[in-house]
Amino acid sequence: MALHNDIGRWGEDVAVSYLQQQGYVILHRDWSYRHRDLDIVAIDKGTLVIIEVKTRRDERYANADEAVTPQKVRSLSIAANAYVKQYGISLDIRFDIITIVGQPTDIHEVRQVKDAFLPFI
């Protein structure tokens, strides 16, 4: 596996651990719909939360959460819609971004942006 894939997987592991410490119930990781995926799907106090995880070794060039482009928001919206339909979800839905800055050998920073964007299709 390429180094960036290893860092991304590590970042998702960190995000899941962080969310569980905050009381979230993790439903799925890397849930796929066609060529789209949802990094983490969780429940937080009765709300379905779709979490996009962005991991960077550093933020020298840009903040990690700026990597969620309008195209990515559209893709997440389509996948979330499919998820809700497939599982018959009737909860409120929120879209969050979690950024992980660092790498497994370094101290890292975890930031969560709740209600980071509104979905659109």
C-alpha atoms as a PDB file:
ATOM      1  CA  MET A   1       0.000   0.000   0.000  1.00  0.00           C
ATOM      2  CA  ALA A   2       1.253   3.486  -0.819  1.00  0.00           C
ATOM      3  CA  LEU A   3       2.429   5.721   2.035  1.00  0.00           C
ATOM      4  CA  HIS A   4      -0.440   8.195   1.530  1.00  0.00           C
ATOM      5  CA  ASN A   5      -2.920   5.308   1.852  1.00  0.00           C
ATOM      6  CA  ASP A   6      -1.234   4.207   5.094  1.00  0.00           C
ATOM      7  CA  ILE A   7      -1.407   7.762   6.471  1.00  0.00           C
ATOM      8  CA  GLY A   8      -5.063   8.035   5.428  1.00  0.00           C
ATOM      9  CA  ARG A   9      -5.972   4.737   7.079  1.00  0.00           C
ATOM     10  CA  TRP A  10      -4.115   5.765  10.234  1.00  0.00           C
ATOM     11  CA  GLY A  11      -6.010   9.078  10.212  1.00  0.00           C
ATOM     12  CA  GLU A  12      -9.344   7.284   9.990  1.00  0.00           C
ATOM     13  CA  ASP A  13      -8.311   5.050  12.916  1.00  0.00           C
ATOM     14  CA  VAL A  14      -7.468   8.149  14.967  1.00  0.00           C
ATOM     15  CA  ALA A  15     -10.783   9.768  13.992  1.00  0.00           C
ATOM     16  CA  VAL A  16     -12.783   6.678  15.004  1.00  0.00           C
ATOM     17  CA  SER A  17     -11.012   6.545  18.368  1.00  0.00           C
ATOM     18  CA  TYR A  18     -11.642  10.272  18.904  1.00  0.00           C
ATOM     19  CA  LEU A  19     -15.338   9.933  18.003  1.00  0.00           C
ATOM     20  CA  GLN A  20     -15.831   6.931  20.284  1.00  0.00           C
ATOM     21  CA  GLN A  21     -14.269   8.900  23.154  1.00  0.00           C
ATOM     22  CA  GLN A  22     -16.846  11.628  22.430  1.00  0.00           C
ATOM     23  CA  GLY A  23     -19.671   9.087  22.716  1.00  0.00           C
ATOM     24  CA  TYR A  24     -20.392   8.523  19.028  1.00  0.00           C
ATOM     25  CA  VAL A  25     -21.598   5.108  17.889  1.00  0.00           C
ATOM     26  CA  ILE A  26     -19.764   4.072  14.720  1.00  0.00           C
ATOM     27  CA  LEU A  27     -22.057   2.395  12.192  1.00  0.00           C
ATOM     28  CA  HIS A  28     -19.761   2.040   9.178  1.00  0.00           C
ATOM     29  CA  ARG A  29     -16.274   2.839   7.952  1.00  0.00           C
ATOM     30  CA  ASP A  30     -15.437   3.208   4.271  1.00  0.00           C
ATOM     31  CA  TRP A  31     -19.011   2.586   3.185  1.00  0.00           C
ATOM     32  CA  SER A  32     -19.171   2.562  -0.620  1.00  0.00           C
ATOM     33  CA  TYR A  33     -21.819   3.436  -3.138  1.00  0.00           C
ATOM     34  CA  ARG A  34     -20.644   2.933  -6.694  1.00  0.00           C
ATOM     35  CA  HIS A  35     -17.371   4.880  -6.896  1.00  0.00           C
ATOM     36  CA  ARG A  36     -18.194   7.121  -3.924  1.00  0.00           C
ATOM     37  CA  ASP A  37     -17.427   6.434  -0.285  1.00  0.00           C
ATOM     38  CA  LEU A  38     -18.297   7.672   3.159  1.00  0.00           C
ATOM     39  CA  ASP A  39     -15.278   7.594   5.490  1.00  0.00           C
ATOM     40  CA  ILE A  40     -17.239   7.239   8.729  1.00  0.00           C
ATOM     41  CA  VAL A  41     -20.958   6.976   9.413  1.00  0.00           C
ATOM     42  CA  ALA A  42     -21.932   7.416  13.046  1.00  0.00           C
ATOM     43  CA  ILE A  43     -24.727   8.332  15.419  1.00  0.00           C
ATOM     44  CA  ASP A  44     -24.318  11.295  17.777  1.00  0.00           C
ATOM     45  CA  LYS A  45     -27.186  11.946  20.195  1.00  0.00           C
ATOM     46  CA  GLY A  46     -29.853  10.774  17.757  1.00  0.00           C
ATOM     47  CA  THR A  47     -28.335  12.407  14.681  1.00  0.00           C
ATOM     48  CA  LEU A  48     -26.812  10.502  11.773  1.00  0.00           C
ATOM     49  CA  VAL A  49     -23.379  11.994  11.159  1.00  0.00           C
ATOM     50  CA  ILE A  50     -21.456  11.577   7.916  1.00  0.00           C
ATOM     51  CA  ILE A  51     -17.789  12.286   8.642  1.00  0.00           C
ATOM     52  CA  GLU A  52     -15.187  13.059   6.011  1.00  0.00           C
ATOM     53  CA  VAL A  53     -11.668  12.507   7.338  1.00  0.00           C
ATOM     54  CA  LYS A  54      -8.731  14.475   5.951  1.00  0.00           C
ATOM     55  CA  THR A  55      -5.258  13.509   7.092  1.00  0.00           C
ATOM     56  CA  ARG A  56      -2.109  15.490   6.386  1.00  0.00           C
ATOM     57  CA  ARG A  57       1.437  15.129   7.672  1.00  0.00           C
ATOM     58  CA  ASP A  58       1.501  18.901   8.041  1.00  0.00           C
ATOM     59  CA  GLU A  59      -0.444  21.924   6.892  1.00  0.00           C
ATOM     60  CA  ARG A  60       2.437  23.674   5.228  1.00  0.00           C
ATOM     61  CA  TYR A  61       0.481  24.276   2.019  1.00  0.00           C
ATOM     62  CA  ALA A  62      -3.171  24.338   3.097  1.00  0.00           C
ATOM     63  CA  ASN A  63      -5.516  23.399   5.897  1.00  0.00           C
ATOM     64  CA  ALA A  64      -6.658  19.816   5.563  1.00  0.00           C
ATOM     65  CA  ASP A  65     -10.339  20.744   5.787  1.00  0.00           C
ATOM     66  CA  GLU A  66      -9.970  22.958   2.704  1.00  0.00           C
ATOM     67  CA  ALA A  67      -9.550  19.749   0.687  1.00  0.00           C
ATOM     68  CA  VAL A  68     -13.318  19.195   0.811  1.00  0.00           C
ATOM     69  CA  THR A  69     -14.216  20.742  -2.525  1.00  0.00           C
ATOM     70  CA  PRO A  70     -17.692  21.392  -3.932  1.00  0.00           C
ATOM     71  CA  GLN A  71     -17.252  18.248  -6.046  1.00  0.00           C
ATOM     72  CA  LYS A  72     -16.470  16.232  -2.908  1.00  0.00           C
ATOM     73  CA  VAL A  73     -19.521  17.704  -1.139  1.00  0.00           C
ATOM     74  CA  ARG A  74     -21.674  16.625  -4.083  1.00  0.00           C
ATOM     75  CA  SER A  75     -20.169  13.130  -4.031  1.00  0.00           C
ATOM     76  CA  LEU A  76     -20.732  12.823  -0.266  1.00  0.00           C
ATOM     77  CA  SER A  77     -24.307  14.043  -0.696  1.00  0.00           C
ATOM     78  CA  ILE A  78     -25.063  11.377  -3.306  1.00  0.00           C
ATOM     79  CA  ALA A  79     -23.495   8.615  -1.199  1.00  0.00           C
ATOM     80  CA  ALA A  80     -25.288   9.796   1.960  1.00  0.00           C
ATOM     81  CA  ASN A  81     -28.609   9.812   0.112  1.00  0.00           C
ATOM     82  CA  ALA A  82     -27.988   6.211  -1.000  1.00  0.00           C
ATOM     83  CA  TYR A  83     -27.018   5.234   2.559  1.00  0.00           C
ATOM     84  CA  VAL A  84     -30.175   6.743   4.045  1.00  0.00           C
ATOM     85  CA  LYS A  85     -32.347   4.982   1.462  1.00  0.00           C
ATOM     86  CA  GLN A  86     -30.576   1.623   1.829  1.00  0.00           C
ATOM     87  CA  TYR A  87     -30.885   1.557   5.622  1.00  0.00           C
ATOM     88  CA  GLY A  88     -34.218   3.381   5.925  1.00  0.00           C
ATOM     89  CA  ILE A  89     -32.748   6.109   8.130  1.00  0.00           C
ATOM     90  CA  SER A  90     -35.225   8.701   9.394  1.00  0.00           C
ATOM     91  CA  LEU A  91     -32.875  10.674  11.659  1.00  0.00           C
ATOM     92  CA  ASP A  92     -31.606  14.207  11.180  1.00  0.00           C
ATOM     93  CA  ILE A  93     -28.338  14.183   9.242  1.00  0.00           C
ATOM     94  CA  ARG A  94     -25.208  16.238   9.808  1.00  0.00           C
ATOM     95  CA  PHE A  95     -22.015  16.435   7.764  1.00  0.00           C
ATOM     96  CA  ASP A  96     -18.758  16.879   9.685  1.00  0.00           C
ATOM     97  CA  ILE A  97     -15.106  17.056   8.737  1.00  0.00           C
ATOM     98  CA  ILE A  98     -12.373  15.698  10.964  1.00  0.00           C
ATOM     99  CA  THR A  99      -8.835  16.739  10.206  1.00  0.00           C
ATOM    100  CA  ILE A 100      -5.847  14.835  11.498  1.00  0.00           C
ATOM    101  CA  VAL A 101      -2.502  16.588  11.274  1.00  0.00           C
ATOM    102  CA  GLY A 102       0.577  14.478  11.908  1.00  0.00           C
ATOM    103  CA  GLN A 103       1.687  10.926  11.344  1.00  0.00           C
ATOM    104  CA  PRO A 104       1.914   7.786  13.464  1.00  0.00           C
ATOM    105  CA  THR A 105       5.380   8.681  14.775  1.00  0.00           C
ATOM    106  CA  ASP A 106       4.524  12.306  15.633  1.00  0.00           C
ATOM    107  CA  ILE A 107       2.167  14.063  17.986  1.00  0.00           C
ATOM    108  CA  HIS A 108      -0.972  14.779  16.038  1.00  0.00           C
ATOM    109  CA  GLU A 109      -3.820  17.225  16.184  1.00  0.00           C
ATOM    110  CA  VAL A 110      -7.465  16.274  15.781  1.00  0.00           C
ATOM    111  CA  ARG A 111     -10.006  18.937  14.788  1.00  0.00           C
ATOM    112  CA  GLN A 112     -13.690  18.398  14.190  1.00  0.00           C
ATOM    113  CA  VAL A 113     -15.826  20.803  12.220  1.00  0.00           C
ATOM    114  CA  LYS A 114     -19.466  20.030  12.979  1.00  0.00           C
ATOM    115  CA  ASP A 115     -22.071  20.967  10.381  1.00  0.00           C
ATOM    116  CA  ALA A 116     -19.198  21.645   8.018  1.00  0.00           C
ATOM    117  CA  PHE A 117     -21.410  21.922   4.934  1.00  0.00           C
ATOM    118  CA  LEU A 118     -24.928  21.428   3.646  1.00  0.00           C
ATOM    119  CA  PRO A 119     -25.488  18.589   1.204  1.00  0.00           C
ATOM    120  CA  PHE A 120     -26.587  19.142  -2.347  1.00  0.00           C
ATOM    121  CA  ILE A 121     -27.241  16.918  -5.310  1.00  0.00           C
END
